[in-house]
Amino acid sequence: HPHIEIDQFLAQSTGAGTLLERVCPAHVYSVGDDGSIRVLCAACLECGTCYQVAPLGVLKWTYPQGGTGVVYREG
């Protein structure tokens, strides 16, 4: 189950796709030729930057379930 969900209508009407493409350090977001926003959840670093800058209601963002998220290790 993806941990990032996008309200495509709201995202397109606010122009959020371009913003998300610019701010995501992992390049998780891309805008298709039809204006829809594509999400590559597997590349997500779980930094939350997208959630902080996206217009209200565009993203539903949660941490991945079941230990499938990023694991940071020393060394």
C-alpha atoms as a PDB file:
ATOM      1  CA  HIS A   1       0.000   0.000   0.000  1.00  0.00           C
ATOM      2  CA  PRO A   2       1.581   3.342  -1.031  1.00  0.00           C
ATOM      3  CA  HIS A   3       2.328   5.753   1.803  1.00  0.00           C
ATOM      4  CA  ILE A   4       1.805   8.798  -0.435  1.00  0.00           C
ATOM      5  CA  GLU A   5      -1.559   9.515  -2.024  1.00  0.00           C
ATOM      6  CA  ILE A   6      -2.327  12.507  -4.247  1.00  0.00           C
ATOM      7  CA  ASP A   7      -5.606  14.266  -4.916  1.00  0.00           C
ATOM      8  CA  GLN A   8      -4.964  14.633  -8.648  1.00  0.00           C
ATOM      9  CA  PHE A   9      -7.729  17.191  -9.229  1.00  0.00           C
ATOM     10  CA  LEU A  10      -6.564  19.469  -6.425  1.00  0.00           C
ATOM     11  CA  ALA A  11      -2.909  19.014  -7.365  1.00  0.00           C
ATOM     12  CA  GLN A  12      -3.539  19.997 -10.978  1.00  0.00           C
ATOM     13  CA  SER A  13      -5.750  22.948 -10.090  1.00  0.00           C
ATOM     14  CA  THR A  14      -3.124  24.353  -7.694  1.00  0.00           C
ATOM     15  CA  GLY A  15      -0.084  23.571  -9.851  1.00  0.00           C
ATOM     16  CA  ALA A  16       1.426  21.529  -7.015  1.00  0.00           C
ATOM     17  CA  GLY A  17       3.149  19.065  -9.363  1.00  0.00           C
ATOM     18  CA  THR A  18       5.888  21.454 -10.396  1.00  0.00           C
ATOM     19  CA  LEU A  19       6.486  22.425  -6.780  1.00  0.00           C
ATOM     20  CA  LEU A  20       6.735  18.800  -5.656  1.00  0.00           C
ATOM     21  CA  GLU A  21       9.165  18.013  -8.482  1.00  0.00           C
ATOM     22  CA  ARG A  22      11.414  20.878  -7.402  1.00  0.00           C
ATOM     23  CA  VAL A  23      11.521  20.296  -3.648  1.00  0.00           C
ATOM     24  CA  CYS A  24      11.797  16.506  -3.401  1.00  0.00           C
ATOM     25  CA  PRO A  25      15.450  15.531  -2.838  1.00  0.00           C
ATOM     26  CA  ALA A  26      14.760  11.960  -4.012  1.00  0.00           C
ATOM     27  CA  HIS A  27      12.928  12.939  -7.240  1.00  0.00           C
ATOM     28  CA  VAL A  28       9.871  10.944  -6.189  1.00  0.00           C
ATOM     29  CA  TYR A  29       7.451  13.160  -8.137  1.00  0.00           C
ATOM     30  CA  SER A  30       7.111  13.764 -11.860  1.00  0.00           C
ATOM     31  CA  VAL A  31       4.440  15.473 -13.918  1.00  0.00           C
ATOM     32  CA  GLY A  32       3.097  13.580 -16.920  1.00  0.00           C
ATOM     33  CA  ASP A  33       2.185  15.064 -20.282  1.00  0.00           C
ATOM     34  CA  ASP A  34      -1.462  15.046 -19.216  1.00  0.00           C
ATOM     35  CA  GLY A  35      -0.661  17.051 -16.056  1.00  0.00           C
ATOM     36  CA  SER A  36      -1.078  14.127 -13.677  1.00  0.00           C
ATOM     37  CA  ILE A  37       1.474  13.683 -10.923  1.00  0.00           C
ATOM     38  CA  ARG A  38       3.299  10.376 -10.774  1.00  0.00           C
ATOM     39  CA  VAL A  39       4.764   9.111  -7.519  1.00  0.00           C
ATOM     40  CA  LEU A  40       7.620   6.621  -7.112  1.00  0.00           C
ATOM     41  CA  CYS A  41       7.062   5.702  -3.452  1.00  0.00           C
ATOM     42  CA  ALA A  42       9.985   3.270  -3.348  1.00  0.00           C
ATOM     43  CA  ALA A  43      12.433   6.160  -3.827  1.00  0.00           C
ATOM     44  CA  CYS A  44      11.012   8.209  -0.941  1.00  0.00           C
ATOM     45  CA  LEU A  45      13.457   9.222   1.811  1.00  0.00           C
ATOM     46  CA  GLU A  46      10.570   9.945   4.204  1.00  0.00           C
ATOM     47  CA  CYS A  47      11.886  13.442   4.905  1.00  0.00           C
ATOM     48  CA  GLY A  48       8.406  15.006   4.768  1.00  0.00           C
ATOM     49  CA  THR A  49       9.460  17.984   2.656  1.00  0.00           C
ATOM     50  CA  CYS A  50       6.684  17.392   0.140  1.00  0.00           C
ATOM     51  CA  TYR A  51       4.074  17.264   2.876  1.00  0.00           C
ATOM     52  CA  GLN A  52       5.279  20.556   4.333  1.00  0.00           C
ATOM     53  CA  VAL A  53       5.170  22.518   1.064  1.00  0.00           C
ATOM     54  CA  ALA A  54       2.182  20.987  -0.744  1.00  0.00           C
ATOM     55  CA  PRO A  55      -1.062  22.978  -0.688  1.00  0.00           C
ATOM     56  CA  LEU A  56      -3.485  21.741   1.958  1.00  0.00           C
ATOM     57  CA  GLY A  57      -5.312  18.594   0.883  1.00  0.00           C
ATOM     58  CA  VAL A  58      -3.078  17.700  -2.074  1.00  0.00           C
ATOM     59  CA  LEU A  59      -1.104  14.968  -0.283  1.00  0.00           C
ATOM     60  CA  LYS A  60      -2.016  12.268   2.157  1.00  0.00           C
ATOM     61  CA  TRP A  61       1.374  11.240   3.518  1.00  0.00           C
ATOM     62  CA  THR A  62       2.096   8.681   6.232  1.00  0.00           C
ATOM     63  CA  TYR A  63       5.066   6.595   7.246  1.00  0.00           C
ATOM     64  CA  PRO A  64       5.179   3.190   5.482  1.00  0.00           C
ATOM     65  CA  GLN A  65       3.697   0.303   7.421  1.00  0.00           C
ATOM     66  CA  GLY A  66       5.357  -2.891   8.531  1.00  0.00           C
ATOM     67  CA  GLY A  67       8.987  -1.762   8.566  1.00  0.00           C
ATOM     68  CA  THR A  68       9.134  -1.229   4.795  1.00  0.00           C
ATOM     69  CA  GLY A  69      10.449   2.322   5.059  1.00  0.00           C
ATOM     70  CA  VAL A  70      13.958   3.707   5.078  1.00  0.00           C
ATOM     71  CA  VAL A  71      16.389   2.226   7.595  1.00  0.00           C
ATOM     72  CA  TYR A  72      19.306   4.416   8.641  1.00  0.00           C
ATOM     73  CA  ARG A  73      22.370   2.588   9.930  1.00  0.00           C
ATOM     74  CA  GLU A  74      25.637   3.811  11.299  1.00  0.00           C
ATOM     75  CA  GLY A  75      28.792   2.831   9.475  1.00  0.00           C
END
